[in-house]
All heavy atoms as atom14 arrays in JSON, in Angstrom:
{
  "sequence": "LVENQVILLVLHHGINNLWERIGYINDLYFMLRSTDIDWTWL",
  "atom14_mask": [
    [1, 1, 1, 1, 1, 1, 1, 1, 0, 0, 0, 0, 0, 0],
    [1, 1, 1, 1, 1, 1, 1, 0, 0, 0, 0, 0, 0, 0],
    [1, 1, 1, 1, 1, 1, 1, 1, 1, 0, 0, 0, 0, 0],
    [1, 1, 1, 1, 1, 1, 1, 1, 0, 0, 0, 0, 0, 0],
    [1, 1, 1, 1, 1, 1, 1, 1, 1, 0, 0, 0, 0, 0],
    [1, 1, 1, 1, 1, 1, 1, 0, 0, 0, 0, 0, 0, 0],
    [1, 1, 1, 1, 1, 1, 1, 1, 0, 0, 0, 0, 0, 0],
    [1, 1, 1, 1, 1, 1, 1, 1, 0, 0, 0, 0, 0, 0],
    [1, 1, 1, 1, 1, 1, 1, 1, 0, 0, 0, 0, 0, 0],
    [1, 1, 1, 1, 1, 1, 1, 0, 0, 0, 0, 0, 0, 0],
    [1, 1, 1, 1, 1, 1, 1, 1, 0, 0, 0, 0, 0, 0],
    [1, 1, 1, 1, 1, 1, 1, 1, 1, 1, 0, 0, 0, 0],
    [1, 1, 1, 1, 1, 1, 1, 1, 1, 1, 0, 0, 0, 0],
    [1, 1, 1, 1, 0, 0, 0, 0, 0, 0, 0, 0, 0, 0],
    [1, 1, 1, 1, 1, 1, 1, 1, 0, 0, 0, 0, 0, 0],
    [1, 1, 1, 1, 1, 1, 1, 1, 0, 0, 0, 0, 0, 0],
    [1, 1, 1, 1, 1, 1, 1, 1, 0, 0, 0, 0, 0, 0],
    [1, 1, 1, 1, 1, 1, 1, 1, 0, 0, 0, 0, 0, 0],
    [1, 1, 1, 1, 1, 1, 1, 1, 1, 1, 1, 1, 1, 1],
    [1, 1, 1, 1, 1, 1, 1, 1, 1, 0, 0, 0, 0, 0],
    [1, 1, 1, 1, 1, 1, 1, 1, 1, 1, 1, 0, 0, 0],
    [1, 1, 1, 1, 1, 1, 1, 1, 0, 0, 0, 0, 0, 0],
    [1, 1, 1, 1, 0, 0, 0, 0, 0, 0, 0, 0, 0, 0],
    [1, 1, 1, 1, 1, 1, 1, 1, 1, 1, 1, 1, 0, 0],
    [1, 1, 1, 1, 1, 1, 1, 1, 0, 0, 0, 0, 0, 0],
    [1, 1, 1, 1, 1, 1, 1, 1, 0, 0, 0, 0, 0, 0],
    [1, 1, 1, 1, 1, 1, 1, 1, 0, 0, 0, 0, 0, 0],
    [1, 1, 1, 1, 1, 1, 1, 1, 0, 0, 0, 0, 0, 0],
    [1, 1, 1, 1, 1, 1, 1, 1, 1, 1, 1, 1, 0, 0],
    [1, 1, 1, 1, 1, 1, 1, 1, 1, 1, 1, 0, 0, 0],
    [1, 1, 1, 1, 1, 1, 1, 1, 0, 0, 0, 0, 0, 0],
    [1, 1, 1, 1, 1, 1, 1, 1, 0, 0, 0, 0, 0, 0],
    [1, 1, 1, 1, 1, 1, 1, 1, 1, 1, 1, 0, 0, 0],
    [1, 1, 1, 1, 1, 1, 0, 0, 0, 0, 0, 0, 0, 0],
    [1, 1, 1, 1, 1, 1, 1, 0, 0, 0, 0, 0, 0, 0],
    [1, 1, 1, 1, 1, 1, 1, 1, 0, 0, 0, 0, 0, 0],
    [1, 1, 1, 1, 1, 1, 1, 1, 0, 0, 0, 0, 0, 0],
    [1, 1, 1, 1, 1, 1, 1, 1, 0, 0, 0, 0, 0, 0],
    [1, 1, 1, 1, 1, 1, 1, 1, 1, 1, 1, 1, 1, 1],
    [1, 1, 1, 1, 1, 1, 1, 0, 0, 0, 0, 0, 0, 0],
    [1, 1, 1, 1, 1, 1, 1, 1, 1, 1, 1, 1, 1, 1],
    [1, 1, 1, 1, 1, 1, 1, 1, 0, 0, 0, 0, 0, 0]
  ],
  "atom14_positions": [
    [[-30.38, -49.39, 49.55], [-31.09, -49.17, 48.29], [-32.57, -48.9, 48.53], [-33.17, -48.04, 47.89], [-30.9, -50.38, 47.37], [-29.51, -50.61, 46.84], [-29.46, -51.88, 45.96], [-28.99, -49.42, 46.04], [0.0, 0.0, 0.0], [0.0, 0.0, 0.0], [0.0, 0.0, 0.0], [0.0, 0.0, 0.0], [0.0, 0.0, 0.0], [0.0, 0.0, 0.0]],
    [[-33.19, -49.62, 49.48], [-34.6, -49.41, 49.75], [-34.84, -48.04, 50.36], [-35.77, -47.33, 50.02], [-35.17, -50.52, 50.66], [-36.6, -50.23, 51.03], [-35.08, -51.88, 49.94], [0.0, 0.0, 0.0], [0.0, 0.0, 0.0], [0.0, 0.0, 0.0], [0.0, 0.0, 0.0], [0.0, 0.0, 0.0], [0.0, 0.0, 0.0], [0.0, 0.0, 0.0]],
    [[-33.98, -47.65, 51.3], [-34.12, -46.33, 51.9], [-34.0, -45.21, 50.86], [-34.72, -44.22, 50.91], [-33.04, -46.15, 52.99], [-33.27, -46.93, 54.26], [-32.84, -48.39, 54.16], [-32.32, -48.77, 53.08], [-33.04, -49.14, 55.13], [0.0, 0.0, 0.0], [0.0, 0.0, 0.0], [0.0, 0.0, 0.0], [0.0, 0.0, 0.0], [0.0, 0.0, 0.0]],
    [[-33.1, -45.44, 49.88], [-32.97, -44.43, 48.84], [-34.17, -44.44, 47.91], [-34.55, -43.39, 47.37], [-31.7, -44.7, 48.02], [-30.45, -44.11, 48.69], [-30.53, -43.05, 49.29], [-29.32, -44.79, 48.58], [0.0, 0.0, 0.0], [0.0, 0.0, 0.0], [0.0, 0.0, 0.0], [0.0, 0.0, 0.0], [0.0, 0.0, 0.0], [0.0, 0.0, 0.0]],
    [[-34.82, -45.58, 47.75], [-36.07, -45.63, 46.99], [-37.19, -44.86, 47.73], [-38.01, -44.17, 47.11], [-36.52, -47.08, 46.76], [-35.75, -47.82, 45.68], [-36.16, -47.45, 44.27], [-37.1, -46.68, 44.05], [-35.47, -47.99, 43.26], [0.0, 0.0, 0.0], [0.0, 0.0, 0.0], [0.0, 0.0, 0.0], [0.0, 0.0, 0.0], [0.0, 0.0, 0.0]],
    [[-37.19, -44.94, 49.07], [-38.13, -44.16, 49.85], [-37.92, -42.68, 49.62], [-38.85, -41.9, 49.44], [-38.01, -44.5, 51.38], [-38.86, -43.52, 52.19], [-38.42, -45.93, 51.62], [0.0, 0.0, 0.0], [0.0, 0.0, 0.0], [0.0, 0.0, 0.0], [0.0, 0.0, 0.0], [0.0, 0.0, 0.0], [0.0, 0.0, 0.0], [0.0, 0.0, 0.0]],
    [[-36.65, -42.26, 49.57], [-36.31, -40.85, 49.37], [-36.76, -40.38, 47.99], [-37.36, -39.32, 47.84], [-34.83, -40.64, 49.57], [-34.47, -40.81, 51.06], [-34.39, -39.22, 49.08], [-32.99, -40.85, 51.35], [0.0, 0.0, 0.0], [0.0, 0.0, 0.0], [0.0, 0.0, 0.0], [0.0, 0.0, 0.0], [0.0, 0.0, 0.0], [0.0, 0.0, 0.0]],
    [[-36.55, -41.22, 46.97], [-37.02, -40.88, 45.63], [-38.54, -40.78, 45.59], [-39.12, -39.89, 44.94], [-36.58, -41.95, 44.62], [-35.11, -41.95, 44.19], [-34.85, -43.11, 43.22], [-34.71, -40.61, 43.55], [0.0, 0.0, 0.0], [0.0, 0.0, 0.0], [0.0, 0.0, 0.0], [0.0, 0.0, 0.0], [0.0, 0.0, 0.0], [0.0, 0.0, 0.0]],
    [[-39.22, -41.66, 46.35], [-40.68, -41.6, 46.39], [-41.15, -40.31, 47.07], [-42.08, -39.62, 46.56], [-41.2, -42.82, 47.17], [-42.71, -43.01, 47.23], [-43.02, -44.51, 47.29], [-43.34, -42.3, 48.43], [0.0, 0.0, 0.0], [0.0, 0.0, 0.0], [0.0, 0.0, 0.0], [0.0, 0.0, 0.0], [0.0, 0.0, 0.0], [0.0, 0.0, 0.0]],
    [[-40.54, -39.93, 48.19], [-40.9, -38.7, 48.88], [-40.62, -37.5, 47.98], [-41.42, -36.55, 47.9], [-40.13, -38.57, 50.2], [-40.4, -37.2, 50.87], [-40.54, -39.7, 51.16], [0.0, 0.0, 0.0], [0.0, 0.0, 0.0], [0.0, 0.0, 0.0], [0.0, 0.0, 0.0], [0.0, 0.0, 0.0], [0.0, 0.0, 0.0], [0.0, 0.0, 0.0]],
    [[-39.53, -37.55, 47.27], [-39.16, -36.45, 46.38], [-40.2, -36.29, 45.27], [-40.68, -35.16, 44.99], [-37.78, -36.73, 45.76], [-37.24, -35.69, 44.8], [-37.18, -34.3, 45.44], [-35.83, -36.11, 44.34], [0.0, 0.0, 0.0], [0.0, 0.0, 0.0], [0.0, 0.0, 0.0], [0.0, 0.0, 0.0], [0.0, 0.0, 0.0], [0.0, 0.0, 0.0]],
    [[-40.59, -37.38, 44.63], [-41.58, -37.31, 43.55], [-43.0, -37.06, 44.05], [-43.66, -36.18, 43.6], [-41.51, -38.57, 42.7], [-42.53, -38.52, 41.55], [-43.8, -39.03, 41.66], [-42.44, -37.99, 40.29], [-44.43, -38.86, 40.55], [-43.64, -38.18, 39.69], [0.0, 0.0, 0.0], [0.0, 0.0, 0.0], [0.0, 0.0, 0.0], [0.0, 0.0, 0.0]],
    [[-43.44, -37.92, 44.97], [-44.82, -37.84, 45.46], [-45.07, -36.66, 46.38], [-46.15, -36.02, 46.3], [-45.19, -39.14, 46.19], [-45.32, -40.32, 45.31], [-45.1, -40.31, 43.96], [-45.61, -41.63, 45.62], [-45.28, -41.52, 43.45], [-45.57, -42.37, 44.46], [0.0, 0.0, 0.0], [0.0, 0.0, 0.0], [0.0, 0.0, 0.0], [0.0, 0.0, 0.0]],
    [[-44.11, -36.4, 47.26], [-44.33, -35.38, 48.3], [-43.92, -33.98, 47.88], [-44.63, -33.0, 48.12], [0.0, 0.0, 0.0], [0.0, 0.0, 0.0], [0.0, 0.0, 0.0], [0.0, 0.0, 0.0], [0.0, 0.0, 0.0], [0.0, 0.0, 0.0], [0.0, 0.0, 0.0], [0.0, 0.0, 0.0], [0.0, 0.0, 0.0], [0.0, 0.0, 0.0]],
    [[-42.74, -33.86, 47.26], [-42.24, -32.53, 46.87], [-42.77, -32.13, 45.5], [-43.4, -31.08, 45.36], [-40.67, -32.53, 46.82], [-40.11, -32.91, 48.18], [-40.18, -31.14, 46.39], [-40.44, -31.99, 49.31], [0.0, 0.0, 0.0], [0.0, 0.0, 0.0], [0.0, 0.0, 0.0], [0.0, 0.0, 0.0], [0.0, 0.0, 0.0], [0.0, 0.0, 0.0]],
    [[-42.57, -32.96, 44.51], [-42.94, -32.59, 43.15], [-44.43, -32.74, 42.9], [-44.92, -32.24, 41.87], [-42.2, -33.47, 42.14], [-40.69, -33.23, 42.21], [-40.22, -32.32, 42.83], [-39.91, -34.04, 41.5], [0.0, 0.0, 0.0], [0.0, 0.0, 0.0], [0.0, 0.0, 0.0], [0.0, 0.0, 0.0], [0.0, 0.0, 0.0], [0.0, 0.0, 0.0]],
    [[-45.16, -33.38, 43.8], [-46.62, -33.58, 43.58], [-47.47, -33.37, 44.82], [-48.69, -33.55, 44.75], [-46.89, -34.97, 43.01], [-46.39, -35.12, 41.58], [-47.03, -34.62, 40.65], [-45.27, -35.78, 41.41], [0.0, 0.0, 0.0], [0.0, 0.0, 0.0], [0.0, 0.0, 0.0], [0.0, 0.0, 0.0], [0.0, 0.0, 0.0], [0.0, 0.0, 0.0]],
    [[-46.87, -32.97, 45.97], [-47.62, -32.58, 47.17], [-48.63, -33.62, 47.62], [-49.7, -33.28, 48.1], [-48.36, -31.26, 46.9], [-47.5, -30.05, 46.57], [-48.35, -28.82, 46.35], [-46.47, -29.77, 47.67], [0.0, 0.0, 0.0], [0.0, 0.0, 0.0], [0.0, 0.0, 0.0], [0.0, 0.0, 0.0], [0.0, 0.0, 0.0], [0.0, 0.0, 0.0]],
    [[-48.28, -34.91, 47.5], [-49.2, -35.98, 47.92], [-50.59, -35.77, 47.33], [-51.61, -35.96, 48.03], [-49.26, -36.1, 49.45], [-48.0, -36.32, 50.14], [-47.35, -35.46, 50.99], [-47.14, -37.49, 50.08], [-46.16, -35.98, 51.44], [-46.03, -37.25, 50.91], [-47.24, -38.73, 49.43], [-45.01, -38.19, 51.08], [-46.21, -39.64, 49.58], [-45.11, -39.38, 50.43]],
    [[-50.68, -35.31, 46.07], [-51.96, -34.89, 45.51], [-52.87, -36.07, 45.11], [-54.03, -35.87, 44.81], [-51.72, -34.0, 44.3], [-51.04, -34.7, 43.13], [-50.56, -33.72, 42.09], [-50.82, -32.51, 42.25], [-49.92, -34.15, 41.11], [0.0, 0.0, 0.0], [0.0, 0.0, 0.0], [0.0, 0.0, 0.0], [0.0, 0.0, 0.0], [0.0, 0.0, 0.0]],
    [[-52.34, -37.28, 45.14], [-53.16, -38.47, 44.91], [-53.08, -39.4, 46.13], [-52.03, -39.58, 46.7], [-52.65, -39.25, 43.68], [-52.65, -38.48, 42.38], [-52.13, -39.4, 41.27], [-51.72, -38.65, 40.1], [-52.45, -38.4, 39.04], [-53.73, -38.79, 39.06], [-51.97, -37.76, 38.0], [0.0, 0.0, 0.0], [0.0, 0.0, 0.0], [0.0, 0.0, 0.0]],
    [[-54.21, -39.93, 46.52], [-54.26, -40.83, 47.68], [-53.39, -42.06, 47.38], [-52.77, -42.63, 48.28], [-55.7, -41.24, 48.01], [-56.54, -40.0, 48.31], [-55.72, -42.19, 49.19], [-58.04, -40.25, 48.35], [0.0, 0.0, 0.0], [0.0, 0.0, 0.0], [0.0, 0.0, 0.0], [0.0, 0.0, 0.0], [0.0, 0.0, 0.0], [0.0, 0.0, 0.0]],
    [[-53.31, -42.44, 46.12], [-52.47, -43.59, 45.75], [-50.99, -43.36, 46.12], [-50.25, -44.35, 46.35], [0.0, 0.0, 0.0], [0.0, 0.0, 0.0], [0.0, 0.0, 0.0], [0.0, 0.0, 0.0], [0.0, 0.0, 0.0], [0.0, 0.0, 0.0], [0.0, 0.0, 0.0], [0.0, 0.0, 0.0], [0.0, 0.0, 0.0], [0.0, 0.0, 0.0]],
    [[-50.56, -42.1, 46.17], [-49.17, -41.82, 46.59], [-48.94, -42.2, 48.04], [-47.87, -42.65, 48.43], [-48.85, -40.33, 46.39], [-48.77, -39.88, 44.94], [-48.85, -38.53, 44.63], [-48.56, -40.77, 43.92], [-48.75, -38.1, 43.29], [-48.47, -40.37, 42.61], [-48.55, -39.01, 42.31], [-48.47, -38.61, 41.01], [0.0, 0.0, 0.0], [0.0, 0.0, 0.0]],
    [[-49.99, -41.99, 48.86], [-49.88, -42.39, 50.28], [-49.78, -43.94, 50.38], [-48.98, -44.46, 51.15], [-51.11, -41.9, 51.08], [-51.26, -40.38, 50.96], [-50.99, -42.31, 52.56], [-50.14, -39.57, 51.51], [0.0, 0.0, 0.0], [0.0, 0.0, 0.0], [0.0, 0.0, 0.0], [0.0, 0.0, 0.0], [0.0, 0.0, 0.0], [0.0, 0.0, 0.0]],
    [[-50.58, -44.6, 49.57], [-50.51, -46.08, 49.55], [-49.12, -46.52, 49.17], [-48.58, -47.51, 49.73], [-51.52, -46.62, 48.56], [-52.96, -46.51, 49.04], [-53.22, -45.99, 50.13], [-53.89, -46.99, 48.27], [0.0, 0.0, 0.0], [0.0, 0.0, 0.0], [0.0, 0.0, 0.0], [0.0, 0.0, 0.0], [0.0, 0.0, 0.0], [0.0, 0.0, 0.0]],
    [[-48.53, -45.83, 48.19], [-47.16, -46.23, 47.76], [-46.17, -46.17, 48.93], [-45.37, -47.08, 49.12], [-46.64, -45.27, 46.67], [-47.34, -45.49, 45.33], [-48.01, -46.52, 45.14], [-47.2, -44.62, 44.45], [0.0, 0.0, 0.0], [0.0, 0.0, 0.0], [0.0, 0.0, 0.0], [0.0, 0.0, 0.0], [0.0, 0.0, 0.0], [0.0, 0.0, 0.0]],
    [[-46.26, -45.11, 49.71], [-45.35, -44.94, 50.84], [-45.64, -46.04, 51.89], [-44.69, -46.66, 52.4], [-45.5, -43.58, 51.48], [-44.62, -43.25, 52.67], [-43.16, -43.36, 52.32], [-44.95, -41.91, 53.28], [0.0, 0.0, 0.0], [0.0, 0.0, 0.0], [0.0, 0.0, 0.0], [0.0, 0.0, 0.0], [0.0, 0.0, 0.0], [0.0, 0.0, 0.0]],
    [[-46.88, -46.28, 52.18], [-47.25, -47.29, 53.16], [-46.71, -48.66, 52.77], [-46.08, -49.35, 53.6], [-48.78, -47.33, 53.34], [-49.23, -48.51, 54.14], [-49.08, -48.54, 55.54], [-49.82, -49.62, 53.52], [-49.48, -49.65, 56.27], [-50.24, -50.74, 54.27], [-50.06, -50.71, 55.66], [-50.45, -51.82, 56.39], [0.0, 0.0, 0.0], [0.0, 0.0, 0.0]],
    [[-46.97, -49.09, 51.57], [-46.55, -50.45, 51.17], [-45.04, -50.56, 51.04], [-44.48, -51.63, 51.31], [-47.26, -50.84, 49.86], [-48.68, -51.26, 50.06], [-49.72, -50.44, 49.69], [-48.99, -52.44, 50.69], [-51.03, -50.79, 49.87], [-50.3, -52.85, 50.9], [-51.31, -52.0, 50.5], [0.0, 0.0, 0.0], [0.0, 0.0, 0.0], [0.0, 0.0, 0.0]],
    [[-44.38, -49.46, 50.68], [-42.92, -49.52, 50.61], [-42.33, -49.65, 52.02], [-41.4, -50.44, 52.26], [-42.35, -48.3, 49.94], [-40.82, -48.33, 49.77], [-40.13, -46.93, 48.85], [-40.48, -47.48, 47.16], [0.0, 0.0, 0.0], [0.0, 0.0, 0.0], [0.0, 0.0, 0.0], [0.0, 0.0, 0.0], [0.0, 0.0, 0.0], [0.0, 0.0, 0.0]],
    [[-42.88, -48.91, 52.97], [-42.36, -48.95, 54.33], [-42.61, -50.3, 55.01], [-41.8, -50.76, 55.81], [-42.96, -47.82, 55.15], [-42.55, -46.4, 54.8], [-43.29, -45.4, 55.66], [-41.03, -46.23, 54.93], [0.0, 0.0, 0.0], [0.0, 0.0, 0.0], [0.0, 0.0, 0.0], [0.0, 0.0, 0.0], [0.0, 0.0, 0.0], [0.0, 0.0, 0.0]],
    [[-43.73, -50.92, 54.68], [-44.04, -52.2, 55.38], [-43.49, -53.42, 54.63], [-43.57, -54.56, 55.13], [-45.55, -52.36, 55.54], [-46.33, -52.4, 54.28], [-47.74, -52.95, 54.48], [-47.73, -54.41, 54.36], [-48.8, -55.19, 54.52], [-49.95, -54.65, 54.8], [-48.72, -56.5, 54.36], [0.0, 0.0, 0.0], [0.0, 0.0, 0.0], [0.0, 0.0, 0.0]],
    [[-42.92, -53.22, 53.42], [-42.49, -54.36, 52.63], [-41.08, -54.87, 53.0], [-40.69, -55.94, 52.62], [-42.46, -53.97, 51.14], [-41.48, -52.98, 50.87], [0.0, 0.0, 0.0], [0.0, 0.0, 0.0], [0.0, 0.0, 0.0], [0.0, 0.0, 0.0], [0.0, 0.0, 0.0], [0.0, 0.0, 0.0], [0.0, 0.0, 0.0], [0.0, 0.0, 0.0]],
    [[-40.38, -54.07, 53.82], [-39.02, -54.48, 54.18], [-38.59, -53.79, 55.46], [-39.24, -52.85, 55.93], [-38.04, -54.12, 53.04], [-36.75, -54.66, 53.33], [-37.92, -52.61, 52.89], [0.0, 0.0, 0.0], [0.0, 0.0, 0.0], [0.0, 0.0, 0.0], [0.0, 0.0, 0.0], [0.0, 0.0, 0.0], [0.0, 0.0, 0.0], [0.0, 0.0, 0.0]],
    [[-37.48, -54.24, 56.04], [-36.93, -53.58, 57.21], [-36.23, -52.3, 56.77], [-35.5, -52.28, 55.79], [-35.92, -54.49, 57.93], [-36.59, -55.68, 58.56], [-37.76, -55.57, 58.96], [-35.95, -56.75, 58.66], [0.0, 0.0, 0.0], [0.0, 0.0, 0.0], [0.0, 0.0, 0.0], [0.0, 0.0, 0.0], [0.0, 0.0, 0.0], [0.0, 0.0, 0.0]],
    [[-36.5, -51.24, 57.52], [-35.94, -49.9, 57.2], [-34.91, -49.52, 58.24], [-35.15, -49.66, 59.45], [-37.05, -48.82, 57.13], [-38.1, -49.18, 56.04], [-36.48, -47.45, 56.91], [-37.59, -49.05, 54.65], [0.0, 0.0, 0.0], [0.0, 0.0, 0.0], [0.0, 0.0, 0.0], [0.0, 0.0, 0.0], [0.0, 0.0, 0.0], [0.0, 0.0, 0.0]],
    [[-33.79, -48.97, 57.82], [-32.84, -48.38, 58.72], [-33.28, -46.94, 58.99], [-32.94, -46.01, 58.27], [-31.43, -48.37, 58.07], [-30.35, -47.85, 59.01], [-30.69, -47.14, 60.0], [-29.16, -48.09, 58.75], [0.0, 0.0, 0.0], [0.0, 0.0, 0.0], [0.0, 0.0, 0.0], [0.0, 0.0, 0.0], [0.0, 0.0, 0.0], [0.0, 0.0, 0.0]],
    [[-34.12, -46.8, 60.03], [-34.77, -45.53, 60.26], [-33.79, -44.43, 60.65], [-33.99, -43.26, 60.22], [-35.83, -45.69, 61.36], [-37.05, -46.37, 60.83], [-37.37, -47.71, 60.97], [-38.13, -45.77, 60.08], [-38.55, -47.96, 60.34], [-39.05, -46.8, 59.79], [-38.37, -44.49, 59.64], [-40.2, -46.58, 59.09], [-39.55, -44.25, 58.95], [-40.41, -45.27, 58.66]],
    [[-32.79, -44.73, 61.37], [-31.81, -43.69, 61.77], [-31.15, -43.11, 60.52], [-31.01, -41.86, 60.37], [-30.75, -44.26, 62.71], [-31.4, -44.8, 63.87], [-29.76, -43.17, 63.12], [0.0, 0.0, 0.0], [0.0, 0.0, 0.0], [0.0, 0.0, 0.0], [0.0, 0.0, 0.0], [0.0, 0.0, 0.0], [0.0, 0.0, 0.0], [0.0, 0.0, 0.0]],
    [[-30.69, -43.98, 59.63], [-30.03, -43.54, 58.38], [-31.01, -42.74, 57.52], [-30.67, -41.69, 56.95], [-29.52, -44.75, 57.65], [-28.66, -44.42, 56.45], [-27.28, -44.32, 56.44], [-29.09, -44.16, 55.12], [-26.85, -44.01, 55.16], [-27.94, -43.9, 54.33], [-30.35, -44.12, 54.51], [-28.03, -43.58, 52.96], [-30.41, -43.81, 53.15], [-29.28, -43.58, 52.39]],
    [[-32.23, -43.3, 57.37], [-33.24, -42.65, 56.49], [-33.6, -41.25, 57.01], [-33.64, -40.27, 56.23], [-34.5, -43.53, 56.41], [-35.67, -42.94, 55.64], [-35.3, -42.72, 54.16], [-36.9, -43.88, 55.74], [0.0, 0.0, 0.0], [0.0, 0.0, 0.0], [0.0, 0.0, 0.0], [0.0, 0.0, 0.0], [0.0, 0.0, 0.0], [0.0, 0.0, 0.0]]
  ]
}
């Protein structure tokens, strides 16, 4: 579920908004560090 939330974040912040706000980078950083990620699957 967390990995899929990362994908939704990349889709909205990165694709639909081109990382146009620095806060979007913060979102990705705090999501990645808040839990263990299955990097191979992601």
